[in-house]
Each structure stands twice: as structure tokens, then as C-alpha cells.
Protein backbone atom coordinates (compact mmCIF):
# COMPACT_ATOMS: atom_id res chain seq x y z
CA MET A 1 16.53 19.75 -0.87
CA PRO A 2 14.19 18.55 2.47
CA ASP A 3 16.98 15.94 5.14
CA ARG A 4 16.24 12.37 5.30
CA SER A 5 13.77 12.62 8.41
CA THR A 6 11.84 14.57 6.25
CA LEU A 7 11.38 12.69 4.15
CA THR A 8 10.84 10.14 5.89
CA GLN A 9 7.97 11.00 8.50
CA HIS A 10 6.32 12.53 4.40
CA ARG A 11 6.25 8.85 3.69
CA LEU A 12 5.51 7.75 6.77
CA ALA A 13 2.13 10.10 7.52
CA PRO A 14 -0.06 8.29 4.47
CA THR A 15 0.78 5.04 4.92
CA LEU A 16 0.22 4.74 9.19
CA ALA A 17 -3.31 7.01 8.00
CA MET A 18 -4.17 3.86 5.47
CA LEU A 19 -3.08 0.92 8.06
CA GLY A 20 -5.42 3.13 10.26
CA VAL A 21 -8.73 3.00 7.75
CA THR A 22 -8.06 -1.02 7.12
CA LEU A 23 -7.97 -1.16 11.21
CA VAL A 24 -11.52 0.22 11.22
CA TRP A 25 -12.51 -1.78 8.23
CA GLY A 26 -11.23 -5.45 8.79
CA ALA A 27 -13.02 -5.36 12.07
CA THR A 28 -16.14 -4.26 10.51
CA PHE A 29 -16.91 -7.82 8.72
CA LEU A 30 -18.23 -8.98 12.11
CA THR A 31 -20.33 -5.70 12.66
CA VAL A 32 -21.87 -6.16 8.89
CA GLN A 33 -22.53 -9.93 9.42
CA SER A 34 -23.97 -8.93 12.71
CA VAL A 35 -26.05 -6.26 10.96
CA LEU A 36 -27.40 -8.78 7.69
CA ARG A 37 -28.76 -11.67 10.43
CA VAL A 38 -31.27 -9.15 11.44
CA TYR A 39 -31.53 -6.19 9.01
CA PRO A 40 -31.82 -6.64 4.89
CA PRO A 41 -28.58 -6.63 2.90
CA TYR A 42 -29.85 -3.54 0.92
CA LEU A 43 -31.53 -1.79 2.89
CA PHE A 44 -28.50 -1.67 5.26
CA LEU A 45 -26.27 -0.43 2.49
CA ALA A 46 -28.40 2.37 2.00
CA LEU A 47 -29.11 3.70 5.22
CA ARG A 48 -24.90 3.32 6.02
CA PHE A 49 -24.23 4.97 2.88
CA ALA A 50 -26.96 7.69 3.40
CA LEU A 51 -25.33 8.40 6.75
CA ALA A 52 -22.09 8.97 5.91
CA ALA A 53 -23.17 11.47 3.41
CA LEU A 54 -25.27 13.04 6.15
CA PHE A 55 -21.91 13.19 8.42
CA LEU A 56 -20.04 14.93 5.73
CA VAL A 57 -22.66 17.42 4.93
CA ILE A 58 -22.33 18.79 9.41
CA LEU A 59 -18.41 18.05 9.19
CA ARG A 60 -18.66 20.73 6.34
CA PRO A 61 -21.92 23.00 5.55
CA LYS A 62 -20.94 24.27 2.79
CA LEU A 63 -19.72 20.94 1.03
CA PHE A 64 -22.52 21.96 -1.92
CA LYS A 65 -20.87 25.37 -3.06
CA HIS A 66 -17.51 23.23 -3.89
CA ILE A 67 -19.49 20.36 -5.83
CA HIS A 68 -18.77 20.93 -9.23
CA ARG A 69 -19.37 19.25 -12.32
CA ARG A 70 -16.01 16.75 -12.69
CA ASP A 71 -16.81 15.97 -9.19
CA LEU A 72 -20.30 14.65 -9.83
CA LEU A 73 -19.12 12.40 -13.54
CA PHE A 74 -15.57 12.01 -11.95
CA GLY A 75 -17.59 10.59 -8.28
CA GLY A 76 -20.77 9.07 -9.85
CA VAL A 77 -17.87 6.56 -12.26
CA ALA A 78 -15.88 6.25 -8.10
CA GLY A 79 -19.63 5.82 -6.89
CA LEU A 80 -20.70 3.38 -8.42
CA ILE A 81 -17.52 0.94 -8.64
CA LEU A 82 -17.34 1.08 -5.51
CA ALA A 83 -21.33 0.29 -4.35
CA ALA A 84 -21.18 -3.02 -7.04
CA GLY A 85 -18.27 -3.86 -5.02
CA TYR A 86 -19.83 -2.84 -1.70
CA ILE A 87 -22.93 -5.25 -3.04
CA LEU A 88 -20.97 -7.90 -3.52
CA GLN A 89 -19.01 -8.45 -0.74
CA THR A 90 -22.31 -7.39 1.68
CA MET A 91 -24.38 -10.73 -0.46
CA SER A 92 -21.30 -12.46 0.19
CA LEU A 93 -21.65 -12.17 4.03
CA LEU A 94 -25.30 -13.52 4.56
CA PRO A 95 -25.81 -17.17 6.57
CA ALA A 96 -24.77 -20.20 5.45
CA ALA A 97 -27.99 -20.76 4.74
CA LEU A 98 -28.02 -18.85 2.04
CA GLY A 99 -24.18 -19.47 0.24
CA GLY A 100 -22.33 -16.77 2.56
CA THR A 101 -19.09 -17.44 3.37
CA THR A 102 -17.30 -16.70 6.76
CA ALA A 103 -16.10 -13.60 7.83
CA ALA A 104 -12.59 -14.78 8.07
CA ARG A 105 -12.52 -16.11 4.53
CA SER A 106 -14.38 -12.93 3.44
CA ALA A 107 -11.84 -10.39 4.56
CA PHE A 108 -9.01 -12.74 2.90
CA ILE A 109 -10.20 -13.84 -0.80
CA THR A 110 -10.61 -9.55 -0.51
CA GLY A 111 -7.06 -9.09 -0.37
CA MET A 112 -6.49 -10.74 -3.79
CA TYR A 113 -6.89 -6.80 -4.81
CA VAL A 114 -2.99 -6.97 -3.70
CA VAL A 115 -2.30 -8.52 -6.64
CA ILE A 116 -5.08 -7.49 -9.45
CA THR A 117 -3.91 -3.51 -8.05
CA PRO A 118 -0.32 -3.57 -10.03
CA ILE A 119 -0.87 -5.51 -13.45
CA ALA A 120 -4.14 -3.64 -14.43
CA ALA A 121 -1.68 -0.94 -13.42
CA ALA A 122 1.27 -2.27 -15.65
CA ILE A 123 -1.33 -2.50 -18.17
CA ILE A 124 -3.16 -0.10 -18.67
CA TYR A 125 -0.95 3.15 -16.85
CA ARG A 126 2.02 1.21 -18.17
CA LYS A 127 3.51 0.95 -14.33
CA LYS A 128 5.61 -1.07 -13.64
CA PRO A 129 5.99 -2.68 -10.09
CA THR A 130 8.71 -1.81 -8.31
CA ILE A 131 10.69 -5.35 -7.08
CA GLY A 132 9.20 -4.16 -3.32
CA VAL A 133 5.58 -5.21 -4.56
CA VAL A 134 5.62 -8.11 -6.40
CA LEU A 135 7.64 -9.47 -3.86
CA GLY A 136 5.20 -9.15 -1.15
CA GLY A 137 1.92 -9.55 -4.01
CA LEU A 138 3.63 -13.14 -4.07
CA LEU A 139 3.93 -12.75 -0.09
CA VAL A 140 0.27 -12.50 0.07
CA VAL A 141 -0.99 -15.00 -2.48
CA ALA A 142 0.68 -17.86 -0.66
CA GLY A 143 -1.41 -16.55 2.62
CA LEU A 144 -4.31 -15.43 0.62
CA TYR A 145 -4.39 -19.38 -0.59
CA PHE A 146 -3.75 -20.46 3.27
CA MET A 147 -6.62 -17.86 5.08
CA SER A 148 -9.48 -19.20 2.84
CA GLY A 149 -9.24 -22.59 4.01
CA ILE A 150 -9.70 -23.69 0.48
CA THR A 151 -8.71 -27.33 -0.54
CA PHE A 152 -7.96 -29.60 -3.12
CA GLY A 153 -8.80 -33.27 -1.97
CA ALA A 154 -10.46 -36.27 -3.76
CA SER A 155 -13.70 -35.27 -3.33
CA GLN A 156 -14.26 -31.24 -4.02
CA ILE A 157 -12.94 -27.77 -2.73
CA SER A 158 -14.50 -26.54 0.07
CA TRP A 159 -15.85 -23.13 -2.43
CA VAL A 160 -19.11 -21.11 -1.15
CA ARG A 161 -21.58 -19.34 -3.43
CA GLY A 162 -19.87 -15.84 -0.75
CA ASP A 163 -16.18 -17.08 -1.78
CA THR A 164 -17.51 -16.19 -5.18
CA LEU A 165 -19.62 -12.80 -4.74
CA VAL A 166 -16.17 -11.28 -3.27
CA MET A 167 -13.93 -12.52 -5.77
CA ILE A 168 -15.69 -10.70 -7.85
CA GLY A 169 -15.48 -7.75 -5.68
CA THR A 170 -11.89 -7.96 -5.34
CA PHE A 171 -11.70 -6.05 -8.95
CA THR A 172 -14.28 -3.89 -8.06
CA TYR A 173 -11.65 -2.05 -5.10
CA ALA A 174 -9.04 -2.21 -7.45
CA ALA A 175 -10.68 -1.12 -10.48
CA HIS A 176 -11.86 1.74 -7.67
CA ILE A 177 -7.79 2.50 -6.10
CA LEU A 178 -7.65 2.89 -9.85
CA TRP A 179 -9.63 5.49 -11.45
CA LEU A 180 -8.98 7.41 -7.77
CA ALA A 181 -5.23 7.24 -8.64
CA HIS A 182 -5.75 8.98 -11.50
CA PRO A 183 -8.24 11.70 -11.72
CA LYS A 184 -8.06 14.19 -15.41
CA HIS A 185 -9.18 17.17 -13.26
CA ALA A 186 -8.12 19.01 -9.13
CA HIS A 187 -11.07 17.31 -6.96
CA ASP A 188 -12.56 18.54 -3.62
CA THR A 189 -12.08 15.34 -1.40
CA VAL A 190 -14.92 15.85 1.28
CA ALA A 191 -17.21 16.76 -2.38
CA LEU A 192 -15.43 13.17 -3.84
CA THR A 193 -16.00 11.36 -1.37
CA PHE A 194 -19.69 12.44 -0.59
CA VAL A 195 -21.05 12.11 -4.50
CA GLN A 196 -19.09 8.82 -4.12
CA MET A 197 -21.47 8.68 -0.76
CA VAL A 198 -25.02 9.37 -2.36
CA MET A 199 -23.62 7.48 -5.55
CA VAL A 200 -23.71 4.14 -3.32
CA THR A 201 -27.07 4.85 -1.32
CA LEU A 202 -28.83 5.45 -4.95
CA ALA A 203 -27.81 1.97 -6.20
CA CYS A 204 -28.98 0.58 -3.19
CA THR A 205 -31.44 2.10 -1.82
CA VAL A 206 -32.66 0.70 -5.89
CA LEU A 207 -31.88 -2.37 -5.62
CA SER A 208 -33.82 -2.74 -2.15
CA VAL A 209 -37.11 -1.51 -3.85
CA ALA A 210 -36.34 -3.83 -7.03
CA THR A 211 -36.36 -6.93 -4.67
CA GLY A 212 -39.04 -6.63 -2.57
CA GLU A 213 -37.12 -5.46 0.27
CA LYS A 214 -38.96 -4.79 3.69
CA TRP A 215 -38.31 -0.99 4.97
CA SER A 216 -37.90 -0.81 8.42
CA LEU A 217 -36.31 1.59 10.50
CA PRO A 218 -33.39 -1.20 12.44
CA PRO A 219 -35.22 -3.03 15.22
CA SER A 220 -32.70 -2.08 17.82
CA LEU A 221 -30.09 0.62 19.23
CA ASN A 222 -27.64 -2.06 19.32
CA VAL A 223 -28.29 -1.84 15.00
CA TRP A 224 -28.69 1.90 15.12
CA LEU A 225 -24.73 2.13 17.43
CA MET A 226 -23.13 -0.68 14.54
CA ILE A 227 -24.47 0.52 11.50
CA ILE A 228 -23.38 4.99 12.13
CA PHE A 229 -19.90 3.24 13.32
CA CYS A 230 -19.84 1.62 10.30
CA ALA A 231 -21.28 5.01 8.22
CA ILE A 232 -18.84 7.80 9.52
CA PHE A 233 -15.65 5.88 10.47
CA ALA A 234 -15.58 3.12 7.56
CA SER A 235 -17.36 4.69 5.05
CA ALA A 236 -17.59 8.39 5.42
CA LEU A 237 -13.52 8.92 7.01
CA ALA A 238 -12.76 5.79 5.49
CA PHE A 239 -12.60 6.99 2.62
CA MET A 240 -11.55 9.87 3.05
CA ILE A 241 -8.83 9.60 3.95
CA GLU A 242 -7.90 7.37 0.78
CA THR A 243 -8.73 9.43 -1.64
CA TRP A 244 -5.71 12.03 0.13
CA VAL A 245 -3.16 9.23 0.24
CA LEU A 246 -3.56 7.42 -3.46
CA LYS A 247 -2.59 11.45 -3.73
CA ARG A 248 0.86 10.54 -1.88
CA LEU A 249 1.49 7.16 -2.77
CA PRO A 250 0.17 4.93 -6.32
CA PRO A 251 -2.06 2.52 -6.68
CA SER A 252 -0.21 -0.75 -5.95
CA ARG A 253 1.45 0.39 -2.95
CA VAL A 254 -2.08 1.40 -1.20
CA ALA A 255 -3.72 -2.26 -1.97
CA LEU A 256 -0.67 -3.42 -0.17
CA LEU A 257 -1.75 -0.98 2.81
CA GLU A 258 -4.49 -2.08 2.21
CA ILE A 259 -4.23 -5.10 2.21
CA THR A 260 -4.09 -4.92 5.68
CA GLU A 261 -7.87 -4.89 5.84
CA SER A 262 -8.00 -8.94 5.55
CA PHE A 263 -5.21 -9.31 8.89
CA PHE A 264 -7.04 -8.10 10.89
CA GLY A 265 -10.58 -8.97 10.32
CA GLY A 266 -9.19 -12.81 10.31
CA VAL A 267 -8.44 -11.41 13.62
CA ALA A 268 -11.11 -10.18 14.43
CA GLY A 269 -13.09 -13.20 13.33
CA TRP A 270 -10.64 -15.59 15.52
CA LEU A 271 -10.99 -13.18 18.47
CA TRP A 272 -14.78 -13.70 18.31
CA THR A 273 -14.68 -17.30 17.86
CA ARG A 274 -11.72 -17.68 20.01
CA HIS A 275 -9.87 -20.01 18.05
CA ALA A 276 -6.90 -20.10 14.96
CA PRO A 277 -6.61 -22.76 12.87
CA THR A 278 -3.05 -23.32 12.61
CA PHE A 279 -2.86 -22.90 8.39
CA GLU A 280 -5.32 -19.03 8.67
CA VAL A 281 -2.29 -18.07 11.23
CA VAL A 282 0.19 -19.08 8.72
CA GLY A 283 -1.01 -16.76 6.40
CA ALA A 284 -2.30 -13.91 8.47
CA ALA A 285 1.37 -14.42 9.00
CA CYS A 286 2.08 -14.26 5.50
CA ILE A 287 -0.36 -11.59 4.05
CA LEU A 288 1.94 -8.98 7.40
CA GLY A 289 5.22 -10.35 6.23
CA GLY A 290 4.10 -8.91 2.55
CA MET A 291 3.10 -5.84 3.55
CA LEU A 292 6.13 -5.43 5.64
CA LEU A 293 8.23 -6.30 2.41
CA SER A 294 6.55 -4.61 0.96
CA GLU A 295 7.32 -0.84 2.85
CA LEU A 296 10.83 -1.85 3.95
CA VAL A 297 11.56 -2.28 0.41
CA ALA A 298 10.19 0.86 -0.25
CA MET A 299 12.30 2.63 2.12
CA TRP A 300 15.40 1.49 0.83
CA ARG A 301 15.36 2.31 -2.30
CA ALA A 302 14.09 5.38 -1.00
CA ASN A 303 16.96 5.73 1.73
CA ARG A 304 19.38 5.01 -1.44
CA ASP A 305 17.98 7.35 -4.14
CA LYS A 306 17.29 10.16 -1.17
CA THR A 307 14.03 10.24 -2.66
CA PRO A 308 10.86 8.71 -2.38
CA VAL A 309 10.68 7.14 -4.87
CA GLU A 310 7.15 5.35 -4.39
CA PHE A 311 5.82 8.87 -4.35
CA TYR A 312 4.13 10.29 -8.28
CA GLY A 313 7.43 13.65 -8.53
CA ASP A 314 8.12 15.47 -5.62
CA PRO A 315 6.35 15.02 -2.86
CA PHE A 316 6.46 18.56 -1.70
CA GLU A 317 4.73 18.89 -4.43
CA GLY A 318 2.35 16.40 -5.04
CA PRO A 319 1.55 14.26 -7.89
CA PRO A 320 0.92 15.87 -11.37
CA LEU A 321 -2.83 16.22 -11.08
CA VAL A 322 -3.86 17.02 -7.02
CA ILE A 323 -7.16 15.85 -5.69
CA THR A 324 -7.46 20.15 -3.31
CA GLU A 325 -9.26 20.86 -0.68
CA SER A 326 -10.27 23.54 -2.54
CA ASN A 327 -12.11 24.52 -5.84
CA ASN A 328 -10.42 28.00 -6.57
CA GLU A 329 -9.29 27.25 -9.69
CA GLU A 330 -5.85 29.69 -8.97
CA ASP A 331 -6.10 27.31 -7.29
CA LEU A 332 -5.42 24.40 -8.77
CA THR A 333 -1.70 24.29 -10.59
CA PRO A 334 -1.46 20.88 -11.89
CA GLY A 335 1.89 19.45 -9.91
CA VAL A 336 1.29 22.00 -6.97
CA ASP A 337 -1.18 21.05 -4.02
CA PRO A 338 -2.19 23.63 -2.04
CA THR A 339 -3.32 22.25 0.68
């Protein structure tokens, strides 16, 4: 039986990795908004994810040998779900004159999938969320209310078209997490990420052509650098890490970790505008508190039960269906992680 320190390290690795990803995602809210001021939205997404796919090929030259039919089917569905989420969220960040919302509000409304994911997981997979997830989710909902800036005065609710788009997008992000968390077969992590990047590229290219966007290269080196940053760090590497984390933590926990994207996105917005409204600060504290509460309860239960209960099965064997780095059939024994 592994000692407690080893179990703690095994728990912390995916947690810290996911927090690193959400830090990058949160920072890109302002980056995306800057790019959309000078570049068509669908073309931006198509170029971003095409560069992400290219980066994965450079990272792993023999990638295509690891792509099988099951990767194309499973990854293709995941890619279409992901494309819908990114399209909705990107369109929500258009200029205010076109009905767009602010970077801070888009970031925090996106965090609603922290509530949707455990509810959907409980319904679909009949897996009840832990008390930590429930309490943390309630705190997050309170935080999202304060952060969104929605008012319920006598006149009207200050809700714009961009808020509606990003709210719909939260359901697609929840669906993406749940889909990746329960594969029917083992998949190569990099290959699965590559298929998703390609699917998003194709979907956005079709929409760019259908909507009559004017095709051109990014207008400046600064725009190129922002798109490349989003492609490598916020797309290719980020979704590789998310796939790896989802075979070690259940979807409800991953959703709560990803809520810090909203926190980091809001902080980035405050730093950029040099203004932090009191209600938004209170909301940010609630969101961060909800995530921390969930983690602390999970750690307490793990120490009490002498095992990391938030994992599927034995943490040193992996979940029942493992997403591996190798597609050799002899390495794909269910319940055993060869990596």
C-alpha cells in the first residue's frame, strides 16, 4: 500500500496541471478580444486550431501511425462539441456594438458549467457528486451572480446577446468534459487531441466561407504572436493536459478546477482596465473559495479513507478505460495504465 505522501503527490499532479491550464485559458480572454477587433472570428478560430494541429505533428512526427478509426470517431465527436463551445464563446467577445459582452463577464458566465457538469454526470452515469462538489458549486453560483454584473432593478436586466451565447456555450463545455471522461476504448492522448484540433479547424473554416468572411493573413506581427500563443498553449498543450487529467479525476472535480479559468480571466480584465468593482471582487472570492472547498473536502476524505476516493478505481492502475500514449494492443489492458 503506497504511503500517504505518495498518494498526496498523485492527487496534486493532475490538480496543479489543470490549474496551470486554466491560468492560460483565463489570460486568453483579453487576447482573443484584442484579435477579434482586427480579424474575422471564424477565420481566427480556423487558423488557431490549424496551427495547434500543426504543432502536435511537429511535436510528434509519427503521430499519424497512432490514429485509428476509434480515434477518428470518438475524437471527431469531441471536436465538434468543442468547436460549438469555442464558436459561441468567441462570438460573445465581439465588440459591444455587435452585442458582445465583456471579457470578465464572458469568463465568469462560462464558469456555470461547474454546476451543469456534476448534475449531468449524476443523471447520465448515476454517480452522485460528493459533498465537497455540492458545497463548492453553491459558492461558485453565488460568485457567478456577483461577477456577471446582472442587476434586477425596476427597469431591466443588463443582459446582452453575448451573455446568452456564452451561457449556451457552457453546456457544450460540460458535454465535452463528460464525453472525454468516459471513452469506450483506449485512445492515444496526442492522437485524440490532434483529431479534435482538426475537427474544430474544419468546422470554423466552413463557417468562415459560409458567412462570407474576407480571407487574409493576420495584419501584424503582434496579432500573429497572439494567435500562435492561443494555438500552442491554450489549445494544443491545454487539451492534451485536460485529456490526461480526465483519466485521473472525475468530471465534476475537473469542472470545479476549470472554474478558476473564470477567476484568472476576471483578474486579467481588472489588471487591464485597472478597475476592480467590489461585487466582482466578492464574486471572485466566492468562486475561488468554492474550488478550494471542494479540494479540501476531497483531501480530507482521502486521508480519512486512506485512499484518493476522487479517482476512478486504484489511482496507481488508472480508470477502467485508460487513454494511453501507445496504441499497441498488448498495452491496452482495461484498468492498467501503461504510461
